[in-house]
């Protein structure tokens, strides 16, 4: 069985404003526990309602790094190789409150924000939202396309 090399997006076929990826991700309390185990981040605001309330949070919240990782994954899939990601930055603007029964549905839209022909890179701007509000501000990924 042979594996095909992923097709790298061509810079010449991209335009500012193009949507290159969209995805919806659901975080559950189970996914928060699994992430805590994998990352070692056992801060109780990510799994105990009483502790979250004691620090004035509206409920148990998703880990910031889990949110950041989920947000960039559609761009990684589009680029075809995680090594093509040369820069990734976000500002955390709002917490994602994970309901114990329904979880939290997070929407991710990735659009071309800028193209650099000399560097052969594309800046992909992410819109990451939960419950109608943006949760990551100035979320930008630089992808090398050469």
N, C-alpha and C. Protein backbone atom coordinates (compact mmCIF):
# COMPACT_ATOMS: atom_id res chain seq x y z
N UNK A 1 0.85 -1.17 0.00
CA UNK A 1 0.00 0.00 0.00
C UNK A 1 0.89 1.23 0.00
N UNK A 2 0.73 2.12 -0.95
CA UNK A 2 1.54 3.33 -1.01
C UNK A 2 0.73 4.51 -0.51
N UNK A 3 1.43 5.46 0.09
CA UNK A 3 0.73 6.65 0.55
C UNK A 3 1.05 7.79 -0.40
N UNK A 4 0.04 8.51 -0.80
CA UNK A 4 0.22 9.62 -1.73
C UNK A 4 0.74 10.83 -0.97
N UNK A 5 1.62 11.58 -1.61
CA UNK A 5 2.10 12.82 -1.03
C UNK A 5 0.99 13.85 -1.12
N UNK A 6 0.70 14.56 -0.01
CA UNK A 6 -0.37 15.55 -0.05
C UNK A 6 -0.05 16.65 -1.06
N UNK A 7 -1.08 17.12 -1.75
CA UNK A 7 -0.93 18.20 -2.72
C UNK A 7 -0.79 19.52 -1.97
N UNK A 8 0.30 20.21 -2.21
CA UNK A 8 0.54 21.50 -1.59
C UNK A 8 -0.27 22.56 -2.32
N UNK A 9 -1.01 23.40 -1.60
CA UNK A 9 -1.75 24.47 -2.29
C UNK A 9 -0.78 25.38 -3.04
N UNK A 10 -1.17 25.80 -4.23
CA UNK A 10 -0.33 26.68 -5.04
C UNK A 10 -0.65 28.13 -4.71
N UNK A 11 0.38 28.90 -4.41
CA UNK A 11 0.22 30.31 -4.07
C UNK A 11 -0.50 31.05 -5.18
N UNK A 12 -0.18 30.72 -6.42
CA UNK A 12 -0.76 31.41 -7.58
C UNK A 12 -2.27 31.18 -7.72
N UNK A 13 -2.78 30.15 -7.07
CA UNK A 13 -4.21 29.85 -7.16
C UNK A 13 -5.00 30.41 -5.98
N UNK A 14 -4.33 31.17 -5.11
CA UNK A 14 -4.98 31.72 -3.93
C UNK A 14 -5.21 33.21 -4.06
N UNK A 15 -6.24 33.69 -3.40
CA UNK A 15 -6.53 35.13 -3.35
C UNK A 15 -6.92 35.50 -1.93
N UNK A 16 -6.59 36.72 -1.54
CA UNK A 16 -6.99 37.22 -0.23
C UNK A 16 -8.50 37.12 -0.12
N UNK A 17 -8.96 36.56 0.97
CA UNK A 17 -10.40 36.39 1.20
C UNK A 17 -10.90 34.97 0.93
N UNK A 18 -10.09 34.17 0.24
CA UNK A 18 -10.49 32.77 -0.03
C UNK A 18 -10.65 32.01 1.28
N UNK A 19 -11.75 31.29 1.42
CA UNK A 19 -11.92 30.37 2.55
C UNK A 19 -11.22 29.08 2.17
N UNK A 20 -10.22 28.67 2.95
CA UNK A 20 -9.46 27.47 2.63
C UNK A 20 -9.83 26.29 3.52
N UNK A 21 -10.53 26.55 4.62
CA UNK A 21 -10.94 25.45 5.50
C UNK A 21 -12.05 25.93 6.42
N UNK A 22 -12.95 25.02 6.73
CA UNK A 22 -14.01 25.27 7.71
C UNK A 22 -14.23 23.98 8.49
N UNK A 23 -14.51 24.14 9.76
CA UNK A 23 -14.74 22.95 10.58
C UNK A 23 -15.54 23.34 11.83
N UNK A 24 -16.29 22.40 12.31
CA UNK A 24 -16.96 22.55 13.60
C UNK A 24 -16.42 21.45 14.51
N UNK A 25 -16.08 21.84 15.73
CA UNK A 25 -15.53 20.90 16.72
C UNK A 25 -16.39 20.98 17.96
N UNK A 26 -16.70 19.83 18.54
CA UNK A 26 -17.44 19.81 19.80
C UNK A 26 -16.53 19.36 20.92
N UNK A 27 -16.38 20.22 21.91
CA UNK A 27 -15.66 19.85 23.13
C UNK A 27 -16.67 19.32 24.12
N UNK A 28 -16.33 18.21 24.75
CA UNK A 28 -17.16 17.64 25.81
C UNK A 28 -16.35 17.62 27.10
N UNK A 29 -17.02 17.35 28.20
CA UNK A 29 -16.27 17.21 29.44
C UNK A 29 -15.28 16.06 29.33
N UNK A 30 -15.67 15.00 28.63
CA UNK A 30 -14.75 13.87 28.42
C UNK A 30 -13.51 14.32 27.64
N UNK A 31 -13.70 15.15 26.61
CA UNK A 31 -12.53 15.59 25.83
C UNK A 31 -11.62 16.48 26.68
N UNK A 32 -12.19 17.23 27.63
CA UNK A 32 -11.36 18.04 28.52
C UNK A 32 -10.52 17.16 29.44
N UNK A 33 -11.11 16.09 29.94
CA UNK A 33 -10.38 15.17 30.81
C UNK A 33 -9.26 14.48 30.02
N UNK A 34 -9.58 14.06 28.80
CA UNK A 34 -8.56 13.41 27.97
C UNK A 34 -7.41 14.38 27.66
N UNK A 35 -7.76 15.63 27.36
CA UNK A 35 -6.72 16.61 27.08
C UNK A 35 -5.87 16.87 28.33
N UNK A 36 -6.51 16.96 29.47
CA UNK A 36 -5.77 17.17 30.72
C UNK A 36 -4.76 16.05 30.93
N UNK A 37 -5.16 14.82 30.69
CA UNK A 37 -4.25 13.69 30.84
C UNK A 37 -3.10 13.73 29.86
N UNK A 38 -3.40 14.13 28.62
CA UNK A 38 -2.35 14.17 27.59
C UNK A 38 -1.39 15.34 27.81
N UNK A 39 -1.90 16.45 28.29
CA UNK A 39 -1.08 17.66 28.41
C UNK A 39 -0.47 17.84 29.80
N UNK A 40 -1.07 17.19 30.79
CA UNK A 40 -0.62 17.40 32.15
C UNK A 40 -1.22 18.64 32.80
N UNK A 41 -2.16 19.29 32.13
CA UNK A 41 -2.81 20.49 32.67
C UNK A 41 -4.06 20.07 33.44
N UNK A 42 -3.90 19.87 34.73
CA UNK A 42 -5.00 19.41 35.57
C UNK A 42 -5.62 20.53 36.40
N UNK A 43 -5.56 21.76 35.88
CA UNK A 43 -6.20 22.87 36.58
C UNK A 43 -7.69 22.53 36.72
N UNK A 44 -8.23 22.56 37.94
CA UNK A 44 -9.62 22.12 38.15
C UNK A 44 -10.68 23.02 37.50
N UNK A 45 -10.31 24.19 36.99
CA UNK A 45 -11.31 25.00 36.27
C UNK A 45 -11.74 24.31 34.98
N UNK A 46 -10.98 23.28 34.58
CA UNK A 46 -11.29 22.56 33.35
C UNK A 46 -12.13 21.31 33.59
N UNK A 47 -12.47 21.02 34.86
CA UNK A 47 -13.31 19.85 35.09
C UNK A 47 -14.20 19.93 36.33
N UNK A 48 -14.07 20.96 37.16
CA UNK A 48 -14.90 21.07 38.36
C UNK A 48 -15.68 22.38 38.36
N UNK A 49 -17.01 22.25 38.33
CA UNK A 49 -17.87 23.44 38.32
C UNK A 49 -17.68 24.30 39.55
N UNK A 50 -17.50 23.67 40.73
CA UNK A 50 -17.37 24.45 41.96
C UNK A 50 -16.10 25.30 41.95
N UNK A 51 -15.02 24.76 41.44
CA UNK A 51 -13.77 25.52 41.38
C UNK A 51 -13.90 26.63 40.34
N UNK A 52 -14.50 26.35 39.20
CA UNK A 52 -14.69 27.38 38.17
C UNK A 52 -15.53 28.53 38.75
N UNK A 53 -16.59 28.21 39.46
CA UNK A 53 -17.44 29.24 40.07
C UNK A 53 -16.68 30.04 41.12
N UNK A 54 -15.79 29.38 41.86
CA UNK A 54 -15.05 30.08 42.92
C UNK A 54 -14.10 31.15 42.38
N UNK A 55 -13.74 31.07 41.09
CA UNK A 55 -12.89 32.09 40.47
C UNK A 55 -13.69 32.91 39.45
N UNK A 56 -15.01 32.94 39.66
CA UNK A 56 -15.92 33.77 38.87
C UNK A 56 -16.01 33.41 37.40
N UNK A 57 -15.77 32.16 37.08
CA UNK A 57 -16.01 31.70 35.72
C UNK A 57 -17.46 31.23 35.61
N UNK A 58 -18.04 31.33 34.41
CA UNK A 58 -19.44 30.93 34.24
C UNK A 58 -19.65 29.41 34.23
N UNK A 59 -18.59 28.64 34.31
CA UNK A 59 -18.65 27.18 34.31
C UNK A 59 -17.29 26.63 33.96
N UNK A 60 -17.22 25.32 33.83
CA UNK A 60 -15.98 24.66 33.41
C UNK A 60 -15.63 25.16 32.02
N UNK A 61 -14.36 25.49 31.83
CA UNK A 61 -13.94 26.03 30.53
C UNK A 61 -12.92 25.11 29.86
N UNK A 62 -12.90 25.19 28.54
CA UNK A 62 -11.94 24.43 27.75
C UNK A 62 -10.54 25.01 27.94
N UNK A 63 -9.55 24.15 27.86
CA UNK A 63 -8.15 24.58 27.92
C UNK A 63 -7.85 25.49 26.73
N UNK A 64 -7.07 26.53 26.97
CA UNK A 64 -6.68 27.42 25.88
C UNK A 64 -5.87 26.72 24.81
N UNK A 65 -4.95 25.86 25.23
CA UNK A 65 -4.11 25.17 24.25
C UNK A 65 -4.90 24.14 23.46
N UNK A 66 -5.93 23.55 24.06
CA UNK A 66 -6.80 22.64 23.33
C UNK A 66 -7.54 23.42 22.25
N UNK A 67 -8.04 24.58 22.61
CA UNK A 67 -8.74 25.43 21.65
C UNK A 67 -7.81 25.85 20.52
N UNK A 68 -6.61 26.25 20.89
CA UNK A 68 -5.63 26.69 19.90
C UNK A 68 -5.27 25.54 18.95
N UNK A 69 -5.08 24.36 19.48
CA UNK A 69 -4.75 23.21 18.65
C UNK A 69 -5.87 22.82 17.72
N UNK A 70 -7.09 22.83 18.24
CA UNK A 70 -8.24 22.49 17.40
C UNK A 70 -8.43 23.51 16.29
N UNK A 71 -8.14 24.78 16.60
CA UNK A 71 -8.33 25.85 15.62
C UNK A 71 -7.35 25.75 14.45
N UNK A 72 -6.12 25.35 14.71
CA UNK A 72 -5.13 25.31 13.64
C UNK A 72 -5.21 24.03 12.81
N UNK A 73 -5.81 22.99 13.33
CA UNK A 73 -5.82 21.70 12.63
C UNK A 73 -6.41 21.76 11.22
N UNK A 74 -7.50 22.49 10.98
CA UNK A 74 -7.99 22.55 9.59
C UNK A 74 -6.97 23.17 8.63
N UNK A 75 -6.16 24.11 9.12
CA UNK A 75 -5.13 24.71 8.28
C UNK A 75 -4.01 23.70 8.02
N UNK A 76 -3.63 22.95 9.04
CA UNK A 76 -2.63 21.90 8.87
C UNK A 76 -3.10 20.90 7.82
N UNK A 77 -4.36 20.49 7.93
CA UNK A 77 -4.91 19.54 6.96
C UNK A 77 -4.90 20.12 5.55
N UNK A 78 -5.26 21.39 5.42
CA UNK A 78 -5.26 22.05 4.11
C UNK A 78 -3.85 22.15 3.55
N UNK A 79 -2.88 22.51 4.40
CA UNK A 79 -1.50 22.67 3.94
C UNK A 79 -0.85 21.34 3.58
N UNK A 80 -1.33 20.25 4.16
CA UNK A 80 -0.83 18.93 3.81
C UNK A 80 0.36 18.45 4.62
N UNK A 81 0.94 19.33 5.44
CA UNK A 81 2.11 18.96 6.22
C UNK A 81 2.25 19.95 7.38
N UNK A 82 2.29 19.47 8.61
CA UNK A 82 2.41 20.41 9.75
C UNK A 82 3.71 21.22 9.72
N UNK A 83 4.73 20.74 9.04
CA UNK A 83 5.99 21.47 8.96
C UNK A 83 5.85 22.75 8.12
N UNK A 84 4.78 22.87 7.36
CA UNK A 84 4.55 24.07 6.55
C UNK A 84 4.09 25.25 7.42
N UNK A 85 3.64 24.98 8.63
CA UNK A 85 3.23 26.05 9.55
C UNK A 85 4.50 26.66 10.13
N UNK A 86 4.76 27.92 9.79
CA UNK A 86 6.00 28.56 10.26
C UNK A 86 5.74 29.55 11.40
N UNK A 87 4.49 29.94 11.61
CA UNK A 87 4.15 30.85 12.70
C UNK A 87 2.67 30.70 12.99
N UNK A 88 2.33 30.79 14.28
CA UNK A 88 0.93 30.69 14.69
C UNK A 88 0.77 31.49 15.96
N UNK A 89 -0.14 32.46 15.91
CA UNK A 89 -0.35 33.32 17.07
C UNK A 89 -1.84 33.56 17.27
N UNK A 90 -2.24 33.68 18.53
CA UNK A 90 -3.62 34.02 18.87
C UNK A 90 -3.63 34.88 20.12
N UNK A 91 -4.75 35.53 20.34
CA UNK A 91 -5.05 36.17 21.61
C UNK A 91 -6.33 35.52 22.12
N UNK A 92 -6.30 35.09 23.36
CA UNK A 92 -7.49 34.49 23.96
C UNK A 92 -8.43 35.62 24.38
N UNK A 93 -9.65 35.63 23.83
CA UNK A 93 -10.57 36.74 24.09
C UNK A 93 -11.75 36.37 24.96
N UNK A 94 -12.20 35.12 24.90
CA UNK A 94 -13.34 34.66 25.71
C UNK A 94 -13.16 33.19 26.03
N UNK A 95 -13.63 32.77 27.20
CA UNK A 95 -13.55 31.35 27.51
C UNK A 95 -14.65 30.56 26.79
N UNK A 96 -14.38 29.29 26.59
CA UNK A 96 -15.38 28.38 26.04
C UNK A 96 -15.92 27.56 27.20
N UNK A 97 -17.16 27.82 27.55
CA UNK A 97 -17.80 27.12 28.66
C UNK A 97 -18.36 25.80 28.11
N UNK A 98 -17.93 24.70 28.73
CA UNK A 98 -18.31 23.37 28.24
C UNK A 98 -19.43 22.83 29.12
N UNK A 99 -20.62 22.79 28.55
CA UNK A 99 -21.81 22.31 29.26
C UNK A 99 -21.66 20.82 29.57
N UNK A 100 -22.06 20.38 30.78
CA UNK A 100 -21.87 18.96 31.13
C UNK A 100 -22.68 18.00 30.26
N UNK A 101 -23.82 18.43 29.74
CA UNK A 101 -24.62 17.55 28.89
C UNK A 101 -24.37 17.77 27.40
N UNK A 102 -24.34 19.01 26.98
CA UNK A 102 -24.29 19.32 25.55
C UNK A 102 -22.90 19.65 25.01
N UNK A 103 -21.94 19.83 25.88
CA UNK A 103 -20.61 20.20 25.42
C UNK A 103 -20.59 21.63 24.91
N UNK A 104 -19.67 21.91 24.01
CA UNK A 104 -19.53 23.24 23.41
C UNK A 104 -19.14 23.08 21.95
N UNK A 105 -19.96 23.62 21.07
CA UNK A 105 -19.68 23.57 19.64
C UNK A 105 -18.88 24.81 19.24
N UNK A 106 -17.72 24.57 18.65
CA UNK A 106 -16.81 25.63 18.25
C UNK A 106 -16.71 25.64 16.73
N UNK A 107 -16.86 26.81 16.14
CA UNK A 107 -16.80 26.97 14.69
C UNK A 107 -15.45 27.57 14.30
N UNK A 108 -14.84 27.01 13.25
CA UNK A 108 -13.54 27.47 12.78
C UNK A 108 -13.65 27.76 11.28
N UNK A 109 -13.28 28.98 10.89
CA UNK A 109 -13.24 29.36 9.48
C UNK A 109 -11.85 29.94 9.22
N UNK A 110 -11.19 29.41 8.20
CA UNK A 110 -9.84 29.83 7.84
C UNK A 110 -9.87 30.51 6.47
N UNK A 111 -9.44 31.78 6.45
CA UNK A 111 -9.42 32.56 5.21
C UNK A 111 -8.03 33.10 4.95
N UNK A 112 -7.71 33.23 3.68
CA UNK A 112 -6.44 33.85 3.31
C UNK A 112 -6.50 35.33 3.69
N UNK A 113 -5.54 35.76 4.52
CA UNK A 113 -5.49 37.15 4.94
C UNK A 113 -4.45 37.95 4.19
N UNK A 114 -3.38 37.28 3.75
CA UNK A 114 -2.32 37.96 3.00
C UNK A 114 -1.49 36.91 2.27
N UNK A 115 -0.92 37.33 1.15
CA UNK A 115 -0.04 36.47 0.36
C UNK A 115 1.29 37.17 0.18
N UNK A 116 2.37 36.43 0.31
CA UNK A 116 3.71 36.98 0.12
C UNK A 116 4.40 36.16 -0.96
N UNK A 117 4.43 36.71 -2.17
CA UNK A 117 5.03 35.99 -3.30
C UNK A 117 6.52 35.76 -3.12
N UNK A 118 7.22 36.75 -2.55
CA UNK A 118 8.67 36.62 -2.37
C UNK A 118 9.00 35.49 -1.39
N UNK A 119 8.29 35.44 -0.27
CA UNK A 119 8.54 34.41 0.74
C UNK A 119 7.81 33.10 0.44
N UNK A 120 6.90 33.14 -0.54
CA UNK A 120 6.07 31.97 -0.88
C UNK A 120 5.27 31.49 0.34
N UNK A 121 4.64 32.47 1.02
CA UNK A 121 3.83 32.15 2.19
C UNK A 121 2.44 32.75 2.06
N UNK A 122 1.54 32.16 2.79
CA UNK A 122 0.18 32.68 2.92
C UNK A 122 -0.09 32.88 4.41
N UNK A 123 -0.67 34.02 4.75
CA UNK A 123 -1.15 34.21 6.12
C UNK A 123 -2.62 33.84 6.11
N UNK A 124 -2.95 32.88 6.96
CA UNK A 124 -4.32 32.42 7.08
C UNK A 124 -4.89 32.99 8.37
N UNK A 125 -5.99 33.71 8.24
CA UNK A 125 -6.67 34.29 9.39
C UNK A 125 -7.79 33.36 9.83
N UNK A 126 -7.81 33.06 11.12
CA UNK A 126 -8.81 32.16 11.67
C UNK A 126 -9.91 32.95 12.38
N UNK A 127 -11.14 32.57 12.14
CA UNK A 127 -12.26 33.06 12.93
C UNK A 127 -12.74 31.86 13.72
N UNK A 128 -12.56 31.93 15.03
CA UNK A 128 -12.91 30.83 15.92
C UNK A 128 -13.99 31.35 16.86
N UNK A 129 -15.17 30.74 16.79
CA UNK A 129 -16.28 31.27 17.58
C UNK A 129 -17.02 30.17 18.32
N UNK A 130 -17.62 30.60 19.41
CA UNK A 130 -18.43 29.73 20.26
C UNK A 130 -19.62 30.55 20.73
N UNK A 131 -20.80 29.99 20.59
CA UNK A 131 -22.02 30.65 21.08
C UNK A 131 -22.15 32.05 20.48
N UNK A 132 -21.78 32.20 19.21
CA UNK A 132 -21.93 33.46 18.50
C UNK A 132 -20.87 34.51 18.78
N UNK A 133 -19.87 34.18 19.59
CA UNK A 133 -18.83 35.16 19.93
C UNK A 133 -17.45 34.61 19.56
N UNK A 134 -16.57 35.49 19.14
CA UNK A 134 -15.19 35.12 18.82
C UNK A 134 -14.44 34.79 20.09
N UNK A 135 -13.72 33.67 20.09
CA UNK A 135 -12.98 33.25 21.28
C UNK A 135 -11.47 33.37 21.12
N UNK A 136 -11.00 33.49 19.89
CA UNK A 136 -9.58 33.73 19.64
C UNK A 136 -9.49 34.96 18.76
N UNK A 137 -8.83 35.99 19.27
CA UNK A 137 -8.65 37.20 18.49
C UNK A 137 -7.31 37.17 17.78
N UNK A 138 -7.24 37.87 16.66
CA UNK A 138 -6.00 37.99 15.88
C UNK A 138 -5.31 36.62 15.72
N UNK A 139 -6.12 35.62 15.42
CA UNK A 139 -5.61 34.27 15.21
C UNK A 139 -5.08 34.18 13.78
N UNK A 140 -3.75 34.05 13.67
CA UNK A 140 -3.12 34.04 12.36
C UNK A 140 -2.10 32.92 12.25
N UNK A 141 -2.10 32.27 11.09
CA UNK A 141 -1.20 31.17 10.81
C UNK A 141 -0.43 31.51 9.54
N UNK A 142 0.89 31.39 9.58
CA UNK A 142 1.68 31.58 8.37
C UNK A 142 2.04 30.20 7.83
N UNK A 143 1.74 30.00 6.56
CA UNK A 143 1.94 28.72 5.91
C UNK A 143 2.92 28.89 4.75
N UNK A 144 3.98 28.09 4.76
CA UNK A 144 4.95 28.11 3.67
C UNK A 144 4.43 27.21 2.56
N UNK A 145 4.39 27.76 1.34
CA UNK A 145 3.82 27.01 0.22
C UNK A 145 4.84 26.64 -0.84
N UNK A 146 6.11 26.98 -0.61
CA UNK A 146 7.16 26.66 -1.61
C UNK A 146 7.57 25.22 -1.51
